[in-house]
mmCIF file of all heavy atoms, coordinates in Angstrom:
data_MODEL
# 
_entry.id   MODEL 
# 
loop_
_atom_site.group_PDB 
_atom_site.id 
_atom_site.type_symbol 
_atom_site.label_atom_id 
_atom_site.label_alt_id 
_atom_site.label_comp_id 
_atom_site.label_asym_id 
_atom_site.label_entity_id 
_atom_site.label_seq_id 
_atom_site.pdbx_PDB_ins_code 
_atom_site.Cartn_x 
_atom_site.Cartn_y 
_atom_site.Cartn_z 
_atom_site.occupancy 
_atom_site.B_iso_or_equiv 
_atom_site.pdbx_formal_charge 
_atom_site.auth_seq_id 
_atom_site.auth_comp_id 
_atom_site.auth_asym_id 
_atom_site.auth_atom_id 
_atom_site.pdbx_PDB_model_num 
ATOM 1   N N   . GLU A 1 1  ? -108.344 -11.893 167.392 1.00 0.00 ? 1  GLU A N   1 
ATOM 2   C CA  . GLU A 1 1  ? -108.234 -10.899 166.338 1.00 0.00 ? 1  GLU A CA  1 
ATOM 3   C C   . GLU A 1 1  ? -106.780 -10.649 165.948 1.00 0.00 ? 1  GLU A C   1 
ATOM 4   O O   . GLU A 1 1  ? -106.440 -10.571 164.756 1.00 0.00 ? 1  GLU A O   1 
ATOM 5   C CB  . GLU A 1 1  ? -108.888 -9.591  166.759 1.00 0.00 ? 1  GLU A CB  1 
ATOM 6   C CG  . GLU A 1 1  ? -110.406 -9.649  166.936 1.00 0.00 ? 1  GLU A CG  1 
ATOM 7   C CD  . GLU A 1 1  ? -110.964 -8.421  167.543 1.00 0.00 ? 1  GLU A CD  1 
ATOM 8   O OE1 . GLU A 1 1  ? -110.170 -7.459  167.834 1.00 0.00 ? 1  GLU A OE1 1 
ATOM 9   O OE2 . GLU A 1 1  ? -112.223 -8.352  167.696 1.00 0.00 ? 1  GLU A OE2 1 
ATOM 10  N N   . GLY A 1 2  ? -105.908 -10.580 166.939 1.00 0.00 ? 2  GLY A N   1 
ATOM 11  C CA  . GLY A 1 2  ? -104.507 -10.377 166.673 1.00 0.00 ? 2  GLY A CA  1 
ATOM 12  C C   . GLY A 1 2  ? -103.878 -11.573 165.924 1.00 0.00 ? 2  GLY A C   1 
ATOM 13  O O   . GLY A 1 2  ? -103.086 -11.402 165.028 1.00 0.00 ? 2  GLY A O   1 
ATOM 14  N N   . LEU A 1 3  ? -104.266 -12.765 166.332 1.00 0.00 ? 3  LEU A N   1 
ATOM 15  C CA  . LEU A 1 3  ? -103.789 -13.956 165.634 1.00 0.00 ? 3  LEU A CA  1 
ATOM 16  C C   . LEU A 1 3  ? -104.279 -14.010 164.186 1.00 0.00 ? 3  LEU A C   1 
ATOM 17  O O   . LEU A 1 3  ? -103.500 -14.388 163.287 1.00 0.00 ? 3  LEU A O   1 
ATOM 18  C CB  . LEU A 1 3  ? -104.252 -15.208 166.370 1.00 0.00 ? 3  LEU A CB  1 
ATOM 19  C CG  . LEU A 1 3  ? -103.565 -15.504 167.725 1.00 0.00 ? 3  LEU A CG  1 
ATOM 20  C CD1 . LEU A 1 3  ? -104.294 -16.591 168.467 1.00 0.00 ? 3  LEU A CD1 1 
ATOM 21  C CD2 . LEU A 1 3  ? -102.094 -15.876 167.560 1.00 0.00 ? 3  LEU A CD2 1 
ATOM 22  N N   . ALA A 1 4  ? -105.498 -13.597 163.961 1.00 0.00 ? 4  ALA A N   1 
ATOM 23  C CA  . ALA A 1 4  ? -106.047 -13.614 162.592 1.00 0.00 ? 4  ALA A CA  1 
ATOM 24  C C   . ALA A 1 4  ? -105.260 -12.673 161.707 1.00 0.00 ? 4  ALA A C   1 
ATOM 25  O O   . ALA A 1 4  ? -105.002 -12.985 160.517 1.00 0.00 ? 4  ALA A O   1 
ATOM 26  C CB  . ALA A 1 4  ? -107.502 -13.250 162.604 1.00 0.00 ? 4  ALA A CB  1 
ATOM 27  N N   . ARG A 1 5  ? -104.843 -11.526 162.239 1.00 0.00 ? 5  ARG A N   1 
ATOM 28  C CA  . ARG A 1 5  ? -104.072 -10.551 161.464 1.00 0.00 ? 5  ARG A CA  1 
ATOM 29  C C   . ARG A 1 5  ? -102.727 -11.129 161.056 1.00 0.00 ? 5  ARG A C   1 
ATOM 30  O O   . ARG A 1 5  ? -102.143 -10.729 160.059 1.00 0.00 ? 5  ARG A O   1 
ATOM 31  C CB  . ARG A 1 5  ? -103.867 -9.270  162.219 1.00 0.00 ? 5  ARG A CB  1 
ATOM 32  C CG  . ARG A 1 5  ? -105.118 -8.449  162.366 1.00 0.00 ? 5  ARG A CG  1 
ATOM 33  C CD  . ARG A 1 5  ? -104.828 -6.997  162.874 1.00 0.00 ? 5  ARG A CD  1 
ATOM 34  N NE  . ARG A 1 5  ? -104.354 -7.006  164.224 1.00 0.00 ? 5  ARG A NE  1 
ATOM 35  C CZ  . ARG A 1 5  ? -105.146 -6.892  165.283 1.00 0.00 ? 5  ARG A CZ  1 
ATOM 36  N NH1 . ARG A 1 5  ? -106.480 -6.802  165.096 1.00 0.00 ? 5  ARG A NH1 1 
ATOM 37  N NH2 . ARG A 1 5  ? -104.679 -6.860  166.497 1.00 0.00 ? 5  ARG A NH2 1 
ATOM 38  N N   . LEU A 1 6  ? -102.226 -12.098 161.834 1.00 0.00 ? 6  LEU A N   1 
ATOM 39  C CA  . LEU A 1 6  ? -100.942 -12.738 161.541 1.00 0.00 ? 6  LEU A CA  1 
ATOM 40  C C   . LEU A 1 6  ? -101.120 -14.018 160.687 1.00 0.00 ? 6  LEU A C   1 
ATOM 41  O O   . LEU A 1 6  ? -100.141 -14.684 160.380 1.00 0.00 ? 6  LEU A O   1 
ATOM 42  C CB  . LEU A 1 6  ? -100.247 -13.112 162.835 1.00 0.00 ? 6  LEU A CB  1 
ATOM 43  C CG  . LEU A 1 6  ? -99.807  -11.909 163.704 1.00 0.00 ? 6  LEU A CG  1 
ATOM 44  C CD1 . LEU A 1 6  ? -99.261  -12.425 165.040 1.00 0.00 ? 6  LEU A CD1 1 
ATOM 45  C CD2 . LEU A 1 6  ? -98.749  -11.104 162.993 1.00 0.00 ? 6  LEU A CD2 1 
ATOM 46  N N   . GLY A 1 7  ? -102.359 -14.298 160.298 1.00 0.00 ? 7  GLY A N   1 
ATOM 47  C CA  . GLY A 1 7  ? -102.592 -15.459 159.492 1.00 0.00 ? 7  GLY A CA  1 
ATOM 48  C C   . GLY A 1 7  ? -102.865 -16.783 160.259 1.00 0.00 ? 7  GLY A C   1 
ATOM 49  O O   . GLY A 1 7  ? -102.837 -17.820 159.610 1.00 0.00 ? 7  GLY A O   1 
ATOM 50  N N   . HIS A 1 8  ? -103.078 -16.682 161.558 1.00 0.00 ? 8  HIS A N   1 
ATOM 51  C CA  . HIS A 1 8  ? -103.301 -17.873 162.334 1.00 0.00 ? 8  HIS A CA  1 
ATOM 52  C C   . HIS A 1 8  ? -104.813 -18.032 162.625 1.00 0.00 ? 8  HIS A C   1 
ATOM 53  O O   . HIS A 1 8  ? -105.557 -17.046 162.530 1.00 0.00 ? 8  HIS A O   1 
ATOM 54  C CB  . HIS A 1 8  ? -102.575 -17.827 163.697 1.00 0.00 ? 8  HIS A CB  1 
ATOM 55  C CG  . HIS A 1 8  ? -101.105 -17.646 163.527 1.00 0.00 ? 8  HIS A CG  1 
ATOM 56  N ND1 . HIS A 1 8  ? -100.317 -18.547 162.906 1.00 0.00 ? 8  HIS A ND1 1 
ATOM 57  C CD2 . HIS A 1 8  ? -100.270 -16.652 163.994 1.00 0.00 ? 8  HIS A CD2 1 
ATOM 58  C CE1 . HIS A 1 8  ? -99.037  -18.187 162.945 1.00 0.00 ? 8  HIS A CE1 1 
ATOM 59  N NE2 . HIS A 1 8  ? -99.009  -17.012 163.607 1.00 0.00 ? 8  HIS A NE2 1 
ATOM 60  N N   . ARG A 1 9  ? -105.214 -19.215 162.924 1.00 0.00 ? 9  ARG A N   1 
ATOM 61  C CA  . ARG A 1 9  ? -106.603 -19.496 163.326 1.00 0.00 ? 9  ARG A CA  1 
ATOM 62  C C   . ARG A 1 9  ? -106.669 -19.723 164.850 1.00 0.00 ? 9  ARG A C   1 
ATOM 63  O O   . ARG A 1 9  ? -105.982 -20.615 165.343 1.00 0.00 ? 9  ARG A O   1 
ATOM 64  C CB  . ARG A 1 9  ? -107.170 -20.731 162.604 1.00 0.00 ? 9  ARG A CB  1 
ATOM 65  C CG  . ARG A 1 9  ? -108.500 -21.225 163.105 1.00 0.00 ? 9  ARG A CG  1 
ATOM 66  C CD  . ARG A 1 9  ? -108.983 -22.445 162.355 1.00 0.00 ? 9  ARG A CD  1 
ATOM 67  N NE  . ARG A 1 9  ? -110.165 -23.036 162.992 1.00 0.00 ? 9  ARG A NE  1 
ATOM 68  C CZ  . ARG A 1 9  ? -110.140 -24.174 163.663 1.00 0.00 ? 9  ARG A CZ  1 
ATOM 69  N NH1 . ARG A 1 9  ? -108.979 -24.878 163.786 1.00 0.00 ? 9  ARG A NH1 1 
ATOM 70  N NH2 . ARG A 1 9  ? -111.228 -24.617 164.231 1.00 0.00 ? 9  ARG A NH2 1 
ATOM 71  N N   . ALA A 1 10 ? -107.447 -18.923 165.520 1.00 0.00 ? 10 ALA A N   1 
ATOM 72  C CA  . ALA A 1 10 ? -107.580 -19.064 166.963 1.00 0.00 ? 10 ALA A CA  1 
ATOM 73  C C   . ALA A 1 10 ? -108.702 -20.062 167.289 1.00 0.00 ? 10 ALA A C   1 
ATOM 74  O O   . ALA A 1 10 ? -109.751 -20.038 166.708 1.00 0.00 ? 10 ALA A O   1 
ATOM 75  C CB  . ALA A 1 10 ? -107.900 -17.751 167.593 1.00 0.00 ? 10 ALA A CB  1 
ATOM 76  N N   . ILE A 1 11 ? -108.420 -20.934 168.244 1.00 0.00 ? 11 ILE A N   1 
ATOM 77  C CA  . ILE A 1 11 ? -109.394 -21.798 168.846 1.00 0.00 ? 11 ILE A CA  1 
ATOM 78  C C   . ILE A 1 11 ? -109.639 -21.286 170.266 1.00 0.00 ? 11 ILE A C   1 
ATOM 79  O O   . ILE A 1 11 ? -108.790 -21.481 171.152 1.00 0.00 ? 11 ILE A O   1 
ATOM 80  C CB  . ILE A 1 11 ? -108.957 -23.266 168.867 1.00 0.00 ? 11 ILE A CB  1 
ATOM 81  C CG1 . ILE A 1 11 ? -108.586 -23.740 167.422 1.00 0.00 ? 11 ILE A CG1 1 
ATOM 82  C CG2 . ILE A 1 11 ? -110.012 -24.174 169.492 1.00 0.00 ? 11 ILE A CG2 1 
ATOM 83  C CD1 . ILE A 1 11 ? -107.840 -25.047 167.408 1.00 0.00 ? 11 ILE A CD1 1 
ATOM 84  N N   . VAL A 1 12 ? -110.700 -20.567 170.465 1.00 0.00 ? 12 VAL A N   1 
ATOM 85  C CA  . VAL A 1 12 ? -110.934 -19.937 171.737 1.00 0.00 ? 12 VAL A CA  1 
ATOM 86  C C   . VAL A 1 12 ? -111.599 -20.896 172.733 1.00 0.00 ? 12 VAL A C   1 
ATOM 87  O O   . VAL A 1 12 ? -112.671 -21.422 172.459 1.00 0.00 ? 12 VAL A O   1 
ATOM 88  C CB  . VAL A 1 12 ? -111.866 -18.664 171.559 1.00 0.00 ? 12 VAL A CB  1 
ATOM 89  C CG1 . VAL A 1 12 ? -112.207 -18.058 172.921 1.00 0.00 ? 12 VAL A CG1 1 
ATOM 90  C CG2 . VAL A 1 12 ? -111.148 -17.668 170.637 1.00 0.00 ? 12 VAL A CG2 1 
ATOM 91  N N   . ALA A 1 13 ? -110.928 -21.164 173.812 1.00 0.00 ? 13 ALA A N   1 
ATOM 92  C CA  . ALA A 1 13 ? -111.383 -22.137 174.824 1.00 0.00 ? 13 ALA A CA  1 
ATOM 93  C C   . ALA A 1 13 ? -110.992 -21.655 176.196 1.00 0.00 ? 13 ALA A C   1 
ATOM 94  O O   . ALA A 1 13 ? -110.028 -22.219 176.796 1.00 0.00 ? 13 ALA A O   1 
ATOM 95  C CB  . ALA A 1 13 ? -110.816 -23.485 174.525 1.00 0.00 ? 13 ALA A CB  1 
ATOM 96  N N   . PRO A 1 14 ? -111.636 -20.668 176.745 1.00 0.00 ? 14 PRO A N   1 
ATOM 97  C CA  . PRO A 1 14 ? -111.261 -20.115 178.077 1.00 0.00 ? 14 PRO A CA  1 
ATOM 98  C C   . PRO A 1 14 ? -111.327 -21.159 179.167 1.00 0.00 ? 14 PRO A C   1 
ATOM 99  O O   . PRO A 1 14 ? -112.317 -21.850 179.298 1.00 0.00 ? 14 PRO A O   1 
ATOM 100 C CB  . PRO A 1 14 ? -112.300 -18.998 178.302 1.00 0.00 ? 14 PRO A CB  1 
ATOM 101 C CG  . PRO A 1 14 ? -112.819 -18.639 176.933 1.00 0.00 ? 14 PRO A CG  1 
ATOM 102 C CD  . PRO A 1 14 ? -112.819 -19.943 176.178 1.00 0.00 ? 14 PRO A CD  1 
ATOM 103 N N   . VAL A 1 15 ? -110.240 -21.211 179.976 1.00 0.00 ? 15 VAL A N   1 
ATOM 104 C CA  . VAL A 1 15 ? -110.254 -22.104 181.141 1.00 0.00 ? 15 VAL A CA  1 
ATOM 105 C C   . VAL A 1 15 ? -110.486 -21.294 182.437 1.00 0.00 ? 15 VAL A C   1 
ATOM 106 O O   . VAL A 1 15 ? -110.559 -21.899 183.512 1.00 0.00 ? 15 VAL A O   1 
ATOM 107 C CB  . VAL A 1 15 ? -108.956 -22.928 181.222 1.00 0.00 ? 15 VAL A CB  1 
ATOM 108 C CG1 . VAL A 1 15 ? -108.804 -23.858 180.043 1.00 0.00 ? 15 VAL A CG1 1 
ATOM 109 C CG2 . VAL A 1 15 ? -107.715 -22.016 181.403 1.00 0.00 ? 15 VAL A CG2 1 
ATOM 110 N N   . LEU A 1 16 ? -110.579 -19.973 182.331 1.00 0.00 ? 16 LEU A N   1 
ATOM 111 C CA  . LEU A 1 16 ? -110.873 -19.122 183.458 1.00 0.00 ? 16 LEU A CA  1 
ATOM 112 C C   . LEU A 1 16 ? -112.026 -18.184 183.066 1.00 0.00 ? 16 LEU A C   1 
ATOM 113 O O   . LEU A 1 16 ? -112.133 -17.791 181.894 1.00 0.00 ? 16 LEU A O   1 
ATOM 114 C CB  . LEU A 1 16 ? -109.688 -18.257 183.893 1.00 0.00 ? 16 LEU A CB  1 
ATOM 115 C CG  . LEU A 1 16 ? -108.419 -18.978 184.320 1.00 0.00 ? 16 LEU A CG  1 
ATOM 116 C CD1 . LEU A 1 16 ? -107.341 -17.945 184.675 1.00 0.00 ? 16 LEU A CD1 1 
ATOM 117 C CD2 . LEU A 1 16 ? -108.637 -19.897 185.520 1.00 0.00 ? 16 LEU A CD2 1 
ATOM 118 N N   . ALA A 1 17 ? -112.853 -17.825 184.005 1.00 0.00 ? 17 ALA A N   1 
ATOM 119 C CA  . ALA A 1 17 ? -113.933 -16.865 183.832 1.00 0.00 ? 17 ALA A CA  1 
ATOM 120 C C   . ALA A 1 17 ? -113.787 -15.722 184.856 1.00 0.00 ? 17 ALA A C   1 
ATOM 121 O O   . ALA A 1 17 ? -113.425 -15.996 186.013 1.00 0.00 ? 17 ALA A O   1 
ATOM 122 C CB  . ALA A 1 17 ? -115.276 -17.498 183.927 1.00 0.00 ? 17 ALA A CB  1 
ATOM 123 N N   . ILE A 1 18 ? -114.047 -14.505 184.468 1.00 0.00 ? 18 ILE A N   1 
ATOM 124 C CA  . ILE A 1 18 ? -113.922 -13.381 185.386 1.00 0.00 ? 18 ILE A CA  1 
ATOM 125 C C   . ILE A 1 18 ? -115.247 -13.116 186.086 1.00 0.00 ? 18 ILE A C   1 
ATOM 126 O O   . ILE A 1 18 ? -116.291 -12.963 185.427 1.00 0.00 ? 18 ILE A O   1 
ATOM 127 C CB  . ILE A 1 18 ? -113.492 -12.126 184.595 1.00 0.00 ? 18 ILE A CB  1 
ATOM 128 C CG1 . ILE A 1 18 ? -112.148 -12.362 183.899 1.00 0.00 ? 18 ILE A CG1 1 
ATOM 129 C CG2 . ILE A 1 18 ? -113.370 -10.914 185.532 1.00 0.00 ? 18 ILE A CG2 1 
ATOM 130 C CD1 . ILE A 1 18 ? -111.002 -12.717 184.840 1.00 0.00 ? 18 ILE A CD1 1 
ATOM 131 N N   . GLU A 1 19 ? -115.228 -13.039 187.431 1.00 0.00 ? 19 GLU A N   1 
ATOM 132 C CA  . GLU A 1 19 ? -116.391 -12.775 188.220 1.00 0.00 ? 19 GLU A CA  1 
ATOM 133 C C   . GLU A 1 19 ? -116.156 -11.553 189.092 1.00 0.00 ? 19 GLU A C   1 
ATOM 134 O O   . GLU A 1 19 ? -115.034 -11.339 189.606 1.00 0.00 ? 19 GLU A O   1 
ATOM 135 C CB  . GLU A 1 19 ? -116.713 -13.978 189.111 1.00 0.00 ? 19 GLU A CB  1 
ATOM 136 C CG  . GLU A 1 19 ? -117.051 -15.235 188.363 1.00 0.00 ? 19 GLU A CG  1 
ATOM 137 C CD  . GLU A 1 19 ? -117.350 -16.411 189.270 1.00 0.00 ? 19 GLU A CD  1 
ATOM 138 O OE1 . GLU A 1 19 ? -117.172 -16.238 190.516 1.00 0.00 ? 19 GLU A OE1 1 
ATOM 139 O OE2 . GLU A 1 19 ? -117.765 -17.477 188.780 1.00 0.00 ? 19 GLU A OE2 1 
ATOM 140 N N   . ASP A 1 20 ? -117.205 -10.762 189.328 1.00 0.00 ? 20 ASP A N   1 
ATOM 141 C CA  . ASP A 1 20 ? -117.135 -9.608  190.209 1.00 0.00 ? 20 ASP A CA  1 
ATOM 142 C C   . ASP A 1 20 ? -116.957 -10.006 191.680 1.00 0.00 ? 20 ASP A C   1 
ATOM 143 O O   . ASP A 1 20 ? -117.483 -11.031 192.099 1.00 0.00 ? 20 ASP A O   1 
ATOM 144 C CB  . ASP A 1 20 ? -118.393 -8.757  190.077 1.00 0.00 ? 20 ASP A CB  1 
ATOM 145 C CG  . ASP A 1 20 ? -118.513 -8.050  188.744 1.00 0.00 ? 20 ASP A CG  1 
ATOM 146 O OD1 . ASP A 1 20 ? -117.547 -8.079  187.984 1.00 0.00 ? 20 ASP A OD1 1 
ATOM 147 O OD2 . ASP A 1 20 ? -119.548 -7.489  188.433 1.00 0.00 ? 20 ASP A OD2 1 
ATOM 148 N N   . ILE A 1 21 ? -116.257 -9.157  192.413 1.00 0.00 ? 21 ILE A N   1 
ATOM 149 C CA  . ILE A 1 21 ? -116.226 -9.257  193.876 1.00 0.00 ? 21 ILE A CA  1 
ATOM 150 C C   . ILE A 1 21 ? -116.828 -7.982  194.430 1.00 0.00 ? 21 ILE A C   1 
ATOM 151 O O   . ILE A 1 21 ? -116.327 -6.884  194.104 1.00 0.00 ? 21 ILE A O   1 
ATOM 152 C CB  . ILE A 1 21 ? -114.803 -9.457  194.429 1.00 0.00 ? 21 ILE A CB  1 
ATOM 153 C CG1 . ILE A 1 21 ? -114.199 -10.768 193.896 1.00 0.00 ? 21 ILE A CG1 1 
ATOM 154 C CG2 . ILE A 1 21 ? -114.791 -9.450  195.941 1.00 0.00 ? 21 ILE A CG2 1 
ATOM 155 C CD1 . ILE A 1 21 ? -112.763 -10.977 194.342 1.00 0.00 ? 21 ILE A CD1 1 
ATOM 156 N N   . ALA A 1 22 ? -117.840 -8.092  195.277 1.00 0.00 ? 22 ALA A N   1 
ATOM 157 C CA  . ALA A 1 22 ? -118.492 -6.923  195.795 1.00 0.00 ? 22 ALA A CA  1 
ATOM 158 C C   . ALA A 1 22 ? -117.765 -6.395  197.043 1.00 0.00 ? 22 ALA A C   1 
ATOM 159 O O   . ALA A 1 22 ? -118.367 -6.308  198.151 1.00 0.00 ? 22 ALA A O   1 
ATOM 160 C CB  . ALA A 1 22 ? -119.950 -7.278  196.114 1.00 0.00 ? 22 ALA A CB  1 
ATOM 161 N N   . SER A 1 23 ? -116.522 -6.070  196.901 1.00 0.00 ? 23 SER A N   1 
ATOM 162 C CA  . SER A 1 23 ? -115.713 -5.558  198.043 1.00 0.00 ? 23 SER A CA  1 
ATOM 163 C C   . SER A 1 23 ? -115.853 -4.052  198.124 1.00 0.00 ? 23 SER A C   1 
ATOM 164 O O   . SER A 1 23 ? -116.186 -3.369  197.164 1.00 0.00 ? 23 SER A O   1 
ATOM 165 C CB  . SER A 1 23 ? -114.278 -5.928  197.871 1.00 0.00 ? 23 SER A CB  1 
ATOM 166 O OG  . SER A 1 23 ? -113.743 -5.392  196.668 1.00 0.00 ? 23 SER A OG  1 
ATOM 167 N N   . SER A 1 24 ? -115.634 -3.534  199.320 1.00 0.00 ? 24 SER A N   1 
ATOM 168 C CA  . SER A 1 24 ? -115.722 -2.090  199.549 1.00 0.00 ? 24 SER A CA  1 
ATOM 169 C C   . SER A 1 24 ? -114.421 -1.413  199.083 1.00 0.00 ? 24 SER A C   1 
ATOM 170 O O   . SER A 1 24 ? -113.376 -2.036  199.017 1.00 0.00 ? 24 SER A O   1 
ATOM 171 C CB  . SER A 1 24 ? -115.951 -1.797  201.027 1.00 0.00 ? 24 SER A CB  1 
ATOM 172 O OG  . SER A 1 24 ? -114.839 -2.283  201.789 1.00 0.00 ? 24 SER A OG  1 
ATOM 173 N N   . ILE A 1 25 ? -114.567 -0.165  198.721 1.00 0.00 ? 25 ILE A N   1 
ATOM 174 C CA  . ILE A 1 25 ? -113.402 0.660   198.342 1.00 0.00 ? 25 ILE A CA  1 
ATOM 175 C C   . ILE A 1 25 ? -113.267 1.729   199.402 1.00 0.00 ? 25 ILE A C   1 
ATOM 176 O O   . ILE A 1 25 ? -114.069 2.664   199.425 1.00 0.00 ? 25 ILE A O   1 
ATOM 177 C CB  . ILE A 1 25 ? -113.578 1.272   196.928 1.00 0.00 ? 25 ILE A CB  1 
ATOM 178 C CG1 . ILE A 1 25 ? -113.734 0.126   195.885 1.00 0.00 ? 25 ILE A CG1 1 
ATOM 179 C CG2 . ILE A 1 25 ? -112.381 2.137   196.583 1.00 0.00 ? 25 ILE A CG2 1 
ATOM 180 C CD1 . ILE A 1 25 ? -113.981 0.646   194.478 1.00 0.00 ? 25 ILE A CD1 1 
# 
C-alpha cells in the first residue's frame, strides 16, 4: 500500500511466514 502511494507496483512474494509458538508466559 505504501509503495502504491508512491507510484510503484509491488510484487508481493513472502519468503518467510509467521507461526505461533505455544510458549508459557
